[in-house]
mmCIF file of all heavy atoms, coordinates in Angstrom:
data_MODEL
# 
_entry.id   MODEL 
# 
loop_
_atom_site.group_PDB 
_atom_site.id 
_atom_site.type_symbol 
_atom_site.label_atom_id 
_atom_site.label_alt_id 
_atom_site.label_comp_id 
_atom_site.label_asym_id 
_atom_site.label_entity_id 
_atom_site.label_seq_id 
_atom_site.pdbx_PDB_ins_code 
_atom_site.Cartn_x 
_atom_site.Cartn_y 
_atom_site.Cartn_z 
_atom_site.occupancy 
_atom_site.B_iso_or_equiv 
_atom_site.pdbx_formal_charge 
_atom_site.auth_seq_id 
_atom_site.auth_comp_id 
_atom_site.auth_asym_id 
_atom_site.auth_atom_id 
_atom_site.pdbx_PDB_model_num 
ATOM 1   N N   . LYS A 1 1  ? 2.122   -4.776  -15.054 1.00 0.00 ? 1  LYS A N   1 
ATOM 2   C CA  . LYS A 1 1  ? 3.224   -5.521  -15.663 1.00 0.00 ? 1  LYS A CA  1 
ATOM 3   C C   . LYS A 1 1  ? 4.138   -4.629  -16.439 1.00 0.00 ? 1  LYS A C   1 
ATOM 4   O O   . LYS A 1 1  ? 5.380   -4.684  -16.357 1.00 0.00 ? 1  LYS A O   1 
ATOM 5   C CB  . LYS A 1 1  ? 2.630   -6.621  -16.607 1.00 0.00 ? 1  LYS A CB  1 
ATOM 6   C CG  . LYS A 1 1  ? 2.026   -7.792  -15.872 1.00 0.00 ? 1  LYS A CG  1 
ATOM 7   C CD  . LYS A 1 1  ? 3.106   -8.891  -15.647 1.00 0.00 ? 1  LYS A CD  1 
ATOM 8   C CE  . LYS A 1 1  ? 2.408   -10.179 -15.143 1.00 0.00 ? 1  LYS A CE  1 
ATOM 9   N NZ  . LYS A 1 1  ? 3.393   -11.213 -14.935 1.00 0.00 ? 1  LYS A NZ  1 
ATOM 10  N N   . LEU A 1 2  ? 3.573   -3.740  -17.270 1.00 0.00 ? 2  LEU A N   1 
ATOM 11  C CA  . LEU A 1 2  ? 4.387   -2.881  -18.095 1.00 0.00 ? 2  LEU A CA  1 
ATOM 12  C C   . LEU A 1 2  ? 5.216   -1.914  -17.260 1.00 0.00 ? 2  LEU A C   1 
ATOM 13  O O   . LEU A 1 2  ? 6.393   -1.649  -17.557 1.00 0.00 ? 2  LEU A O   1 
ATOM 14  C CB  . LEU A 1 2  ? 3.478   -2.111  -19.092 1.00 0.00 ? 2  LEU A CB  1 
ATOM 15  C CG  . LEU A 1 2  ? 2.806   -2.944  -20.188 1.00 0.00 ? 2  LEU A CG  1 
ATOM 16  C CD1 . LEU A 1 2  ? 1.634   -2.194  -20.767 1.00 0.00 ? 2  LEU A CD1 1 
ATOM 17  C CD2 . LEU A 1 2  ? 3.821   -3.303  -21.198 1.00 0.00 ? 2  LEU A CD2 1 
ATOM 18  N N   . HIS A 1 3  ? 4.588   -1.423  -16.236 1.00 0.00 ? 3  HIS A N   1 
ATOM 19  C CA  . HIS A 1 3  ? 5.287   -0.502  -15.333 1.00 0.00 ? 3  HIS A CA  1 
ATOM 20  C C   . HIS A 1 3  ? 6.451   -1.229  -14.657 1.00 0.00 ? 3  HIS A C   1 
ATOM 21  O O   . HIS A 1 3  ? 7.581   -0.655  -14.553 1.00 0.00 ? 3  HIS A O   1 
ATOM 22  C CB  . HIS A 1 3  ? 4.332   0.050   -14.268 1.00 0.00 ? 3  HIS A CB  1 
ATOM 23  C CG  . HIS A 1 3  ? 4.901   1.173   -13.495 1.00 0.00 ? 3  HIS A CG  1 
ATOM 24  N ND1 . HIS A 1 3  ? 5.700   0.983   -12.371 1.00 0.00 ? 3  HIS A ND1 1 
ATOM 25  C CD2 . HIS A 1 3  ? 4.800   2.532   -13.643 1.00 0.00 ? 3  HIS A CD2 1 
ATOM 26  C CE1 . HIS A 1 3  ? 6.058   2.160   -11.882 1.00 0.00 ? 3  HIS A CE1 1 
ATOM 27  N NE2 . HIS A 1 3  ? 5.548   3.117   -12.642 1.00 0.00 ? 3  HIS A NE2 1 
ATOM 28  N N   . GLY A 1 4  ? 6.184   -2.480  -14.275 1.00 0.00 ? 4  GLY A N   1 
ATOM 29  C CA  . GLY A 1 4  ? 7.286   -3.265  -13.615 1.00 0.00 ? 4  GLY A CA  1 
ATOM 30  C C   . GLY A 1 4  ? 8.416   -3.542  -14.577 1.00 0.00 ? 4  GLY A C   1 
ATOM 31  O O   . GLY A 1 4  ? 9.556   -3.660  -14.137 1.00 0.00 ? 4  GLY A O   1 
ATOM 32  N N   . PHE A 1 5  ? 8.097   -3.701  -15.866 1.00 0.00 ? 5  PHE A N   1 
ATOM 33  C CA  . PHE A 1 5  ? 9.157   -4.005  -16.819 1.00 0.00 ? 5  PHE A CA  1 
ATOM 34  C C   . PHE A 1 5  ? 10.007  -2.754  -17.220 1.00 0.00 ? 5  PHE A C   1 
ATOM 35  O O   . PHE A 1 5  ? 10.977  -2.841  -17.886 1.00 0.00 ? 5  PHE A O   1 
ATOM 36  C CB  . PHE A 1 5  ? 8.557   -4.571  -18.142 1.00 0.00 ? 5  PHE A CB  1 
ATOM 37  C CG  . PHE A 1 5  ? 7.970   -5.948  -17.974 1.00 0.00 ? 5  PHE A CG  1 
ATOM 38  C CD1 . PHE A 1 5  ? 7.115   -6.457  -18.916 1.00 0.00 ? 5  PHE A CD1 1 
ATOM 39  C CD2 . PHE A 1 5  ? 8.294   -6.740  -16.855 1.00 0.00 ? 5  PHE A CD2 1 
ATOM 40  C CE1 . PHE A 1 5  ? 6.545   -7.762  -18.756 1.00 0.00 ? 5  PHE A CE1 1 
ATOM 41  C CE2 . PHE A 1 5  ? 7.743   -7.993  -16.699 1.00 0.00 ? 5  PHE A CE2 1 
ATOM 42  C CZ  . PHE A 1 5  ? 6.857   -8.552  -17.669 1.00 0.00 ? 5  PHE A CZ  1 
ATOM 43  N N   . GLY A 1 6  ? 9.493   -1.552  -16.799 1.00 0.00 ? 6  GLY A N   1 
ATOM 44  C CA  . GLY A 1 6  ? 10.171  -0.350  -17.125 1.00 0.00 ? 6  GLY A CA  1 
ATOM 45  C C   . GLY A 1 6  ? 9.783   0.324   -18.425 1.00 0.00 ? 6  GLY A C   1 
ATOM 46  O O   . GLY A 1 6  ? 10.489  1.124   -18.968 1.00 0.00 ? 6  GLY A O   1 
ATOM 47  N N   . CYS A 1 7  ? 8.556   -0.083  -18.892 1.00 0.00 ? 7  CYS A N   1 
ATOM 48  C CA  . CYS A 1 7  ? 8.017   0.580   -20.146 1.00 0.00 ? 7  CYS A CA  1 
ATOM 49  C C   . CYS A 1 7  ? 7.849   2.058   -19.914 1.00 0.00 ? 7  CYS A C   1 
ATOM 50  O O   . CYS A 1 7  ? 7.395   2.480   -18.856 1.00 0.00 ? 7  CYS A O   1 
ATOM 51  C CB  . CYS A 1 7  ? 6.761   -0.127  -20.547 1.00 0.00 ? 7  CYS A CB  1 
ATOM 52  S SG  . CYS A 1 7  ? 6.100   0.434   -22.120 1.00 0.00 ? 7  CYS A SG  1 
ATOM 53  N N   . ASP A 1 8  ? 8.218   2.880   -20.837 1.00 0.00 ? 8  ASP A N   1 
ATOM 54  C CA  . ASP A 1 8  ? 8.138   4.344   -20.689 1.00 0.00 ? 8  ASP A CA  1 
ATOM 55  C C   . ASP A 1 8  ? 6.742   4.913   -20.726 1.00 0.00 ? 8  ASP A C   1 
ATOM 56  O O   . ASP A 1 8  ? 6.360   5.757   -19.898 1.00 0.00 ? 8  ASP A O   1 
ATOM 57  C CB  . ASP A 1 8  ? 9.005   5.057   -21.748 1.00 0.00 ? 8  ASP A CB  1 
ATOM 58  C CG  . ASP A 1 8  ? 10.450  4.723   -21.623 1.00 0.00 ? 8  ASP A CG  1 
ATOM 59  O OD1 . ASP A 1 8  ? 11.035  4.931   -20.568 1.00 0.00 ? 8  ASP A OD1 1 
ATOM 60  O OD2 . ASP A 1 8  ? 10.994  4.151   -22.592 1.00 0.00 ? 8  ASP A OD2 1 
ATOM 61  N N   . GLU A 1 9  ? 5.909   4.406   -21.731 1.00 0.00 ? 9  GLU A N   1 
ATOM 62  C CA  . GLU A 1 9  ? 4.583   5.017   -21.903 1.00 0.00 ? 9  GLU A CA  1 
ATOM 63  C C   . GLU A 1 9  ? 3.548   3.918   -22.235 1.00 0.00 ? 9  GLU A C   1 
ATOM 64  O O   . GLU A 1 9  ? 3.937   2.804   -22.648 1.00 0.00 ? 9  GLU A O   1 
ATOM 65  C CB  . GLU A 1 9  ? 4.627   6.023   -23.090 1.00 0.00 ? 9  GLU A CB  1 
ATOM 66  C CG  . GLU A 1 9  ? 5.498   7.220   -22.875 1.00 0.00 ? 9  GLU A CG  1 
ATOM 67  C CD  . GLU A 1 9  ? 5.538   8.099   -24.107 1.00 0.00 ? 9  GLU A CD  1 
ATOM 68  O OE1 . GLU A 1 9  ? 5.348   7.553   -25.238 1.00 0.00 ? 9  GLU A OE1 1 
ATOM 69  O OE2 . GLU A 1 9  ? 5.695   9.317   -23.981 1.00 0.00 ? 9  GLU A OE2 1 
ATOM 70  N N   . ILE A 1 10 ? 2.310   4.276   -22.039 1.00 0.00 ? 10 ILE A N   1 
ATOM 71  C CA  . ILE A 1 10 ? 1.245   3.392   -22.414 1.00 0.00 ? 10 ILE A CA  1 
ATOM 72  C C   . ILE A 1 10 ? 0.182   4.192   -23.181 1.00 0.00 ? 10 ILE A C   1 
ATOM 73  O O   . ILE A 1 10 ? 0.059   5.424   -23.066 1.00 0.00 ? 10 ILE A O   1 
ATOM 74  C CB  . ILE A 1 10 ? 0.546   2.703   -21.200 1.00 0.00 ? 10 ILE A CB  1 
ATOM 75  C CG1 . ILE A 1 10 ? -0.140  3.751   -20.313 1.00 0.00 ? 10 ILE A CG1 1 
ATOM 76  C CG2 . ILE A 1 10 ? 1.531   1.853   -20.430 1.00 0.00 ? 10 ILE A CG2 1 
ATOM 77  C CD1 . ILE A 1 10 ? -1.088  3.112   -19.293 1.00 0.00 ? 10 ILE A CD1 1 
ATOM 78  N N   . GLN A 1 11 ? -0.585  3.417   -23.953 1.00 0.00 ? 11 GLN A N   1 
ATOM 79  C CA  . GLN A 1 11 ? -1.676  3.976   -24.794 1.00 0.00 ? 11 GLN A CA  1 
ATOM 80  C C   . GLN A 1 11 ? -2.763  2.935   -24.922 1.00 0.00 ? 11 GLN A C   1 
ATOM 81  O O   . GLN A 1 11 ? -2.450  1.773   -25.098 1.00 0.00 ? 11 GLN A O   1 
ATOM 82  C CB  . GLN A 1 11 ? -1.112  4.357   -26.174 1.00 0.00 ? 11 GLN A CB  1 
ATOM 83  C CG  . GLN A 1 11 ? -2.112  4.849   -27.156 1.00 0.00 ? 11 GLN A CG  1 
ATOM 84  C CD  . GLN A 1 11 ? -1.447  5.119   -28.546 1.00 0.00 ? 11 GLN A CD  1 
ATOM 85  O OE1 . GLN A 1 11 ? -0.220  5.147   -28.643 1.00 0.00 ? 11 GLN A OE1 1 
ATOM 86  N NE2 . GLN A 1 11 ? -2.231  5.327   -29.571 1.00 0.00 ? 11 GLN A NE2 1 
ATOM 87  N N   . GLY A 1 12 ? -3.993  3.312   -24.778 1.00 0.00 ? 12 GLY A N   1 
ATOM 88  C CA  . GLY A 1 12 ? -5.052  2.296   -24.934 1.00 0.00 ? 12 GLY A CA  1 
ATOM 89  C C   . GLY A 1 12 ? -6.344  2.707   -24.225 1.00 0.00 ? 12 GLY A C   1 
ATOM 90  O O   . GLY A 1 12 ? -6.455  3.809   -23.636 1.00 0.00 ? 12 GLY A O   1 
ATOM 91  N N   . TYR A 1 13 ? -7.322  1.862   -24.286 1.00 0.00 ? 13 TYR A N   1 
ATOM 92  C CA  . TYR A 1 13 ? -8.662  2.136   -23.727 1.00 0.00 ? 13 TYR A CA  1 
ATOM 93  C C   . TYR A 1 13 ? -8.618  2.280   -22.213 1.00 0.00 ? 13 TYR A C   1 
ATOM 94  O O   . TYR A 1 13 ? -9.530  2.849   -21.597 1.00 0.00 ? 13 TYR A O   1 
ATOM 95  C CB  . TYR A 1 13 ? -9.691  1.080   -24.154 1.00 0.00 ? 13 TYR A CB  1 
ATOM 96  C CG  . TYR A 1 13 ? -10.145 1.196   -25.577 1.00 0.00 ? 13 TYR A CG  1 
ATOM 97  C CD1 . TYR A 1 13 ? -10.511 0.042   -26.296 1.00 0.00 ? 13 TYR A CD1 1 
ATOM 98  C CD2 . TYR A 1 13 ? -10.181 2.458   -26.189 1.00 0.00 ? 13 TYR A CD2 1 
ATOM 99  C CE1 . TYR A 1 13 ? -10.921 0.172   -27.583 1.00 0.00 ? 13 TYR A CE1 1 
ATOM 100 C CE2 . TYR A 1 13 ? -10.572 2.536   -27.521 1.00 0.00 ? 13 TYR A CE2 1 
ATOM 101 C CZ  . TYR A 1 13 ? -10.952 1.385   -28.189 1.00 0.00 ? 13 TYR A CZ  1 
ATOM 102 O OH  . TYR A 1 13 ? -11.391 1.493   -29.521 1.00 0.00 ? 13 TYR A OH  1 
ATOM 103 N N   . LEU A 1 14 ? -7.592  1.785   -21.530 1.00 0.00 ? 14 LEU A N   1 
ATOM 104 C CA  . LEU A 1 14 ? -7.520  2.014   -20.071 1.00 0.00 ? 14 LEU A CA  1 
ATOM 105 C C   . LEU A 1 14 ? -7.393  3.512   -19.801 1.00 0.00 ? 14 LEU A C   1 
ATOM 106 O O   . LEU A 1 14 ? -7.898  3.972   -18.752 1.00 0.00 ? 14 LEU A O   1 
ATOM 107 C CB  . LEU A 1 14 ? -6.286  1.282   -19.530 1.00 0.00 ? 14 LEU A CB  1 
ATOM 108 C CG  . LEU A 1 14 ? -6.070  1.374   -18.024 1.00 0.00 ? 14 LEU A CG  1 
ATOM 109 C CD1 . LEU A 1 14 ? -7.216  0.713   -17.268 1.00 0.00 ? 14 LEU A CD1 1 
ATOM 110 C CD2 . LEU A 1 14 ? -4.744  0.804   -17.586 1.00 0.00 ? 14 LEU A CD2 1 
ATOM 111 N N   . ILE A 1 15 ? -6.814  4.214   -20.692 1.00 0.00 ? 15 ILE A N   1 
ATOM 112 C CA  . ILE A 1 15 ? -6.655  5.682   -20.551 1.00 0.00 ? 15 ILE A CA  1 
ATOM 113 C C   . ILE A 1 15 ? -7.860  6.332   -21.220 1.00 0.00 ? 15 ILE A C   1 
ATOM 114 O O   . ILE A 1 15 ? -8.628  7.096   -20.586 1.00 0.00 ? 15 ILE A O   1 
ATOM 115 C CB  . ILE A 1 15 ? -5.342  6.178   -21.173 1.00 0.00 ? 15 ILE A CB  1 
ATOM 116 C CG1 . ILE A 1 15 ? -4.136  5.482   -20.580 1.00 0.00 ? 15 ILE A CG1 1 
ATOM 117 C CG2 . ILE A 1 15 ? -5.218  7.718   -20.958 1.00 0.00 ? 15 ILE A CG2 1 
ATOM 118 C CD1 . ILE A 1 15 ? -4.043  5.588   -19.098 1.00 0.00 ? 15 ILE A CD1 1 
ATOM 119 N N   . SER A 1 16 ? -8.034  6.104   -22.496 1.00 0.00 ? 16 SER A N   1 
ATOM 120 C CA  . SER A 1 16 ? -9.166  6.697   -23.207 1.00 0.00 ? 16 SER A CA  1 
ATOM 121 C C   . SER A 1 16 ? -9.264  6.074   -24.596 1.00 0.00 ? 16 SER A C   1 
ATOM 122 O O   . SER A 1 16 ? -8.225  5.734   -25.201 1.00 0.00 ? 16 SER A O   1 
ATOM 123 C CB  . SER A 1 16 ? -9.026  8.196   -23.351 1.00 0.00 ? 16 SER A CB  1 
ATOM 124 O OG  . SER A 1 16 ? -9.986  8.734   -24.177 1.00 0.00 ? 16 SER A OG  1 
ATOM 125 N N   . GLN A 1 17 ? -10.459 5.922   -25.111 1.00 0.00 ? 17 GLN A N   1 
ATOM 126 C CA  . GLN A 1 17 ? -10.601 5.589   -26.501 1.00 0.00 ? 17 GLN A CA  1 
ATOM 127 C C   . GLN A 1 17 ? -10.358 6.813   -27.346 1.00 0.00 ? 17 GLN A C   1 
ATOM 128 O O   . GLN A 1 17 ? -10.408 7.948   -26.857 1.00 0.00 ? 17 GLN A O   1 
ATOM 129 C CB  . GLN A 1 17 ? -12.038 5.056   -26.767 1.00 0.00 ? 17 GLN A CB  1 
ATOM 130 C CG  . GLN A 1 17 ? -13.134 6.073   -26.509 1.00 0.00 ? 17 GLN A CG  1 
ATOM 131 C CD  . GLN A 1 17 ? -14.501 5.445   -26.584 1.00 0.00 ? 17 GLN A CD  1 
ATOM 132 O OE1 . GLN A 1 17 ? -14.723 4.336   -26.090 1.00 0.00 ? 17 GLN A OE1 1 
ATOM 133 N NE2 . GLN A 1 17 ? -15.433 6.125   -27.200 1.00 0.00 ? 17 GLN A NE2 1 
ATOM 134 N N   . PRO A 1 18 ? -10.128 6.672   -28.676 1.00 0.00 ? 18 PRO A N   1 
ATOM 135 C CA  . PRO A 1 18 ? -9.918  7.821   -29.518 1.00 0.00 ? 18 PRO A CA  1 
ATOM 136 C C   . PRO A 1 18 ? -11.107 8.717   -29.582 1.00 0.00 ? 18 PRO A C   1 
ATOM 137 O O   . PRO A 1 18 ? -12.241 8.248   -29.704 1.00 0.00 ? 18 PRO A O   1 
ATOM 138 C CB  . PRO A 1 18 ? -9.580  7.224   -30.883 1.00 0.00 ? 18 PRO A CB  1 
ATOM 139 C CG  . PRO A 1 18 ? -9.119  5.841   -30.574 1.00 0.00 ? 18 PRO A CG  1 
ATOM 140 C CD  . PRO A 1 18 ? -9.883  5.395   -29.388 1.00 0.00 ? 18 PRO A CD  1 
ATOM 141 N N   . LYS A 1 19 ? -10.925 10.026  -29.516 1.00 0.00 ? 19 LYS A N   1 
ATOM 142 C CA  . LYS A 1 19 ? -11.996 10.984  -29.545 1.00 0.00 ? 19 LYS A CA  1 
ATOM 143 C C   . LYS A 1 19 ? -11.495 12.245  -30.298 1.00 0.00 ? 19 LYS A C   1 
ATOM 144 O O   . LYS A 1 19 ? -10.311 12.474  -30.491 1.00 0.00 ? 19 LYS A O   1 
ATOM 145 C CB  . LYS A 1 19 ? -12.394 11.427  -28.146 1.00 0.00 ? 19 LYS A CB  1 
ATOM 146 C CG  . LYS A 1 19 ? -12.870 10.288  -27.257 1.00 0.00 ? 19 LYS A CG  1 
ATOM 147 C CD  . LYS A 1 19 ? -13.127 10.801  -25.840 1.00 0.00 ? 19 LYS A CD  1 
ATOM 148 C CE  . LYS A 1 19 ? -13.572 9.670   -24.904 1.00 0.00 ? 19 LYS A CE  1 
ATOM 149 N NZ  . LYS A 1 19 ? -13.754 10.215  -23.558 1.00 0.00 ? 19 LYS A NZ  1 
ATOM 150 N N   . PRO A 1 20 ? -12.450 13.115  -30.710 1.00 0.00 ? 20 PRO A N   1 
ATOM 151 C CA  . PRO A 1 20 ? -12.009 14.431  -31.232 1.00 0.00 ? 20 PRO A CA  1 
ATOM 152 C C   . PRO A 1 20 ? -11.185 15.173  -30.194 1.00 0.00 ? 20 PRO A C   1 
ATOM 153 O O   . PRO A 1 20 ? -11.386 15.020  -28.995 1.00 0.00 ? 20 PRO A O   1 
ATOM 154 C CB  . PRO A 1 20 ? -13.307 15.142  -31.509 1.00 0.00 ? 20 PRO A CB  1 
ATOM 155 C CG  . PRO A 1 20 ? -14.307 14.036  -31.727 1.00 0.00 ? 20 PRO A CG  1 
ATOM 156 C CD  . PRO A 1 20 ? -13.898 12.969  -30.758 1.00 0.00 ? 20 PRO A CD  1 
ATOM 157 N N   . LEU A 1 21 ? -10.254 15.992  -30.612 1.00 0.00 ? 21 LEU A N   1 
ATOM 158 C CA  . LEU A 1 21 ? -9.389  16.684  -29.693 1.00 0.00 ? 21 LEU A CA  1 
ATOM 159 C C   . LEU A 1 21 ? -10.139 17.547  -28.705 1.00 0.00 ? 21 LEU A C   1 
ATOM 160 O O   . LEU A 1 21 ? -9.736  17.726  -27.562 1.00 0.00 ? 21 LEU A O   1 
ATOM 161 C CB  . LEU A 1 21 ? -8.368  17.536  -30.472 1.00 0.00 ? 21 LEU A CB  1 
ATOM 162 C CG  . LEU A 1 21 ? -7.202  18.120  -29.657 1.00 0.00 ? 21 LEU A CG  1 
ATOM 163 C CD1 . LEU A 1 21 ? -6.398  17.022  -28.974 1.00 0.00 ? 21 LEU A CD1 1 
ATOM 164 C CD2 . LEU A 1 21 ? -6.307  18.962  -30.519 1.00 0.00 ? 21 LEU A CD2 1 
ATOM 165 N N   . SER A 1 22 ? -11.264 18.051  -29.109 1.00 0.00 ? 22 SER A N   1 
ATOM 166 C CA  . SER A 1 22 ? -12.063 18.902  -28.250 1.00 0.00 ? 22 SER A CA  1 
ATOM 167 C C   . SER A 1 22 ? -12.531 18.192  -26.984 1.00 0.00 ? 22 SER A C   1 
ATOM 168 O O   . SER A 1 22 ? -12.861 18.820  -26.009 1.00 0.00 ? 22 SER A O   1 
ATOM 169 C CB  . SER A 1 22 ? -13.291 19.489  -28.995 1.00 0.00 ? 22 SER A CB  1 
ATOM 170 O OG  . SER A 1 22 ? -14.104 18.424  -29.476 1.00 0.00 ? 22 SER A OG  1 
ATOM 171 N N   . ALA A 1 23 ? -12.577 16.866  -27.034 1.00 0.00 ? 23 ALA A N   1 
ATOM 172 C CA  . ALA A 1 23 ? -13.012 16.094  -25.897 1.00 0.00 ? 23 ALA A CA  1 
ATOM 173 C C   . ALA A 1 23 ? -12.007 16.086  -24.752 1.00 0.00 ? 23 ALA A C   1 
ATOM 174 O O   . ALA A 1 23 ? -12.285 15.736  -23.619 1.00 0.00 ? 23 ALA A O   1 
ATOM 175 C CB  . ALA A 1 23 ? -13.331 14.639  -26.314 1.00 0.00 ? 23 ALA A CB  1 
ATOM 176 N N   . PHE A 1 24 ? -10.797 16.496  -25.088 1.00 0.00 ? 24 PHE A N   1 
ATOM 177 C CA  . PHE A 1 24 ? -9.667  16.513  -24.086 1.00 0.00 ? 24 PHE A CA  1 
ATOM 178 C C   . PHE A 1 24 ? -9.368  17.953  -23.651 1.00 0.00 ? 24 PHE A C   1 
ATOM 179 O O   . PHE A 1 24 ? -8.223  18.300  -23.550 1.00 0.00 ? 24 PHE A O   1 
ATOM 180 C CB  . PHE A 1 24 ? -8.491  15.843  -24.658 1.00 0.00 ? 24 PHE A CB  1 
ATOM 181 C CG  . PHE A 1 24 ? -8.703  14.411  -25.128 1.00 0.00 ? 24 PHE A CG  1 
ATOM 182 C CD1 . PHE A 1 24 ? -8.767  14.088  -26.461 1.00 0.00 ? 24 PHE A CD1 1 
ATOM 183 C CD2 . PHE A 1 24 ? -8.837  13.401  -24.170 1.00 0.00 ? 24 PHE A CD2 1 
ATOM 184 C CE1 . PHE A 1 24 ? -9.022  12.792  -26.888 1.00 0.00 ? 24 PHE A CE1 1 
ATOM 185 C CE2 . PHE A 1 24 ? -9.095  12.078  -24.591 1.00 0.00 ? 24 PHE A CE2 1 
ATOM 186 C CZ  . PHE A 1 24 ? -9.151  11.770  -25.951 1.00 0.00 ? 24 PHE A CZ  1 
ATOM 187 N N   . ARG A 1 25 ? -10.432 18.716  -23.356 1.00 0.00 ? 25 ARG A N   1 
ATOM 188 C CA  . ARG A 1 25 ? -10.242 20.091  -23.016 1.00 0.00 ? 25 ARG A CA  1 
ATOM 189 C C   . ARG A 1 25 ? -9.375  20.282  -21.761 1.00 0.00 ? 25 ARG A C   1 
ATOM 190 O O   . ARG A 1 25 ? -8.596  21.178  -21.664 1.00 0.00 ? 25 ARG A O   1 
ATOM 191 C CB  . ARG A 1 25 ? -11.609 20.747  -22.796 1.00 0.00 ? 25 ARG A CB  1 
ATOM 192 C CG  . ARG A 1 25 ? -11.556 22.250  -22.630 1.00 0.00 ? 25 ARG A CG  1 
ATOM 193 C CD  . ARG A 1 25 ? -12.979 22.840  -22.668 1.00 0.00 ? 25 ARG A CD  1 
ATOM 194 N NE  . ARG A 1 25 ? -13.633 22.504  -23.931 1.00 0.00 ? 25 ARG A NE  1 
ATOM 195 C CZ  . ARG A 1 25 ? -14.898 22.669  -24.165 1.00 0.00 ? 25 ARG A CZ  1 
ATOM 196 N NH1 . ARG A 1 25 ? -15.709 23.114  -23.193 1.00 0.00 ? 25 ARG A NH1 1 
ATOM 197 N NH2 . ARG A 1 25 ? -15.432 22.352  -25.321 1.00 0.00 ? 25 ARG A NH2 1 
ATOM 198 N N   . GLN A 1 26 ? -9.479  19.339  -20.805 1.00 0.00 ? 26 GLN A N   1 
ATOM 199 C CA  . GLN A 1 26 ? -8.764  19.476  -19.567 1.00 0.00 ? 26 GLN A CA  1 
ATOM 200 C C   . GLN A 1 26 ? -7.219  19.383  -19.871 1.00 0.00 ? 26 GLN A C   1 
ATOM 201 O O   . GLN A 1 26 ? -6.421  19.952  -19.122 1.00 0.00 ? 26 GLN A O   1 
ATOM 202 C CB  . GLN A 1 26 ? -9.088  18.394  -18.585 1.00 0.00 ? 26 GLN A CB  1 
ATOM 203 C CG  . GLN A 1 26 ? -8.770  16.969  -19.066 1.00 0.00 ? 26 GLN A CG  1 
ATOM 204 C CD  . GLN A 1 26 ? -9.330  15.890  -18.162 1.00 0.00 ? 26 GLN A CD  1 
ATOM 205 O OE1 . GLN A 1 26 ? -10.526 15.784  -17.989 1.00 0.00 ? 26 GLN A OE1 1 
ATOM 206 N NE2 . GLN A 1 26 ? -8.452  15.098  -17.604 1.00 0.00 ? 26 GLN A NE2 1 
ATOM 207 N N   . VAL A 1 27 ? -6.858  18.682  -20.895 1.00 0.00 ? 27 VAL A N   1 
ATOM 208 C CA  . VAL A 1 27 ? -5.470  18.590  -21.278 1.00 0.00 ? 27 VAL A CA  1 
ATOM 209 C C   . VAL A 1 27 ? -4.985  19.847  -22.024 1.00 0.00 ? 27 VAL A C   1 
ATOM 210 O O   . VAL A 1 27 ? -3.950  20.384  -21.774 1.00 0.00 ? 27 VAL A O   1 
ATOM 211 C CB  . VAL A 1 27 ? -5.217  17.296  -22.143 1.00 0.00 ? 27 VAL A CB  1 
ATOM 212 C CG1 . VAL A 1 27 ? -3.757  17.248  -22.614 1.00 0.00 ? 27 VAL A CG1 1 
ATOM 213 C CG2 . VAL A 1 27 ? -5.504  16.073  -21.307 1.00 0.00 ? 27 VAL A CG2 1 
ATOM 214 N N   . VAL A 1 28 ? -5.886  20.243  -22.978 1.00 0.00 ? 28 VAL A N   1 
ATOM 215 C CA  . VAL A 1 28 ? -5.573  21.358  -23.797 1.00 0.00 ? 28 VAL A CA  1 
ATOM 216 C C   . VAL A 1 28 ? -5.453  22.633  -22.983 1.00 0.00 ? 28 VAL A C   1 
ATOM 217 O O   . VAL A 1 28 ? -4.536  23.473  -23.217 1.00 0.00 ? 28 VAL A O   1 
ATOM 218 C CB  . VAL A 1 28 ? -6.644  21.549  -24.939 1.00 0.00 ? 28 VAL A CB  1 
ATOM 219 C CG1 . VAL A 1 28 ? -6.365  22.802  -25.727 1.00 0.00 ? 28 VAL A CG1 1 
ATOM 220 C CG2 . VAL A 1 28 ? -6.662  20.317  -25.813 1.00 0.00 ? 28 VAL A CG2 1 
# 
């Protein structure tokens, strides 16, 4: 729905719950 409405970004548990930054090594 959000993509269809043209929303720019999303944030939430569908992507990931909050974690220490070290848990996102693949991004870093």
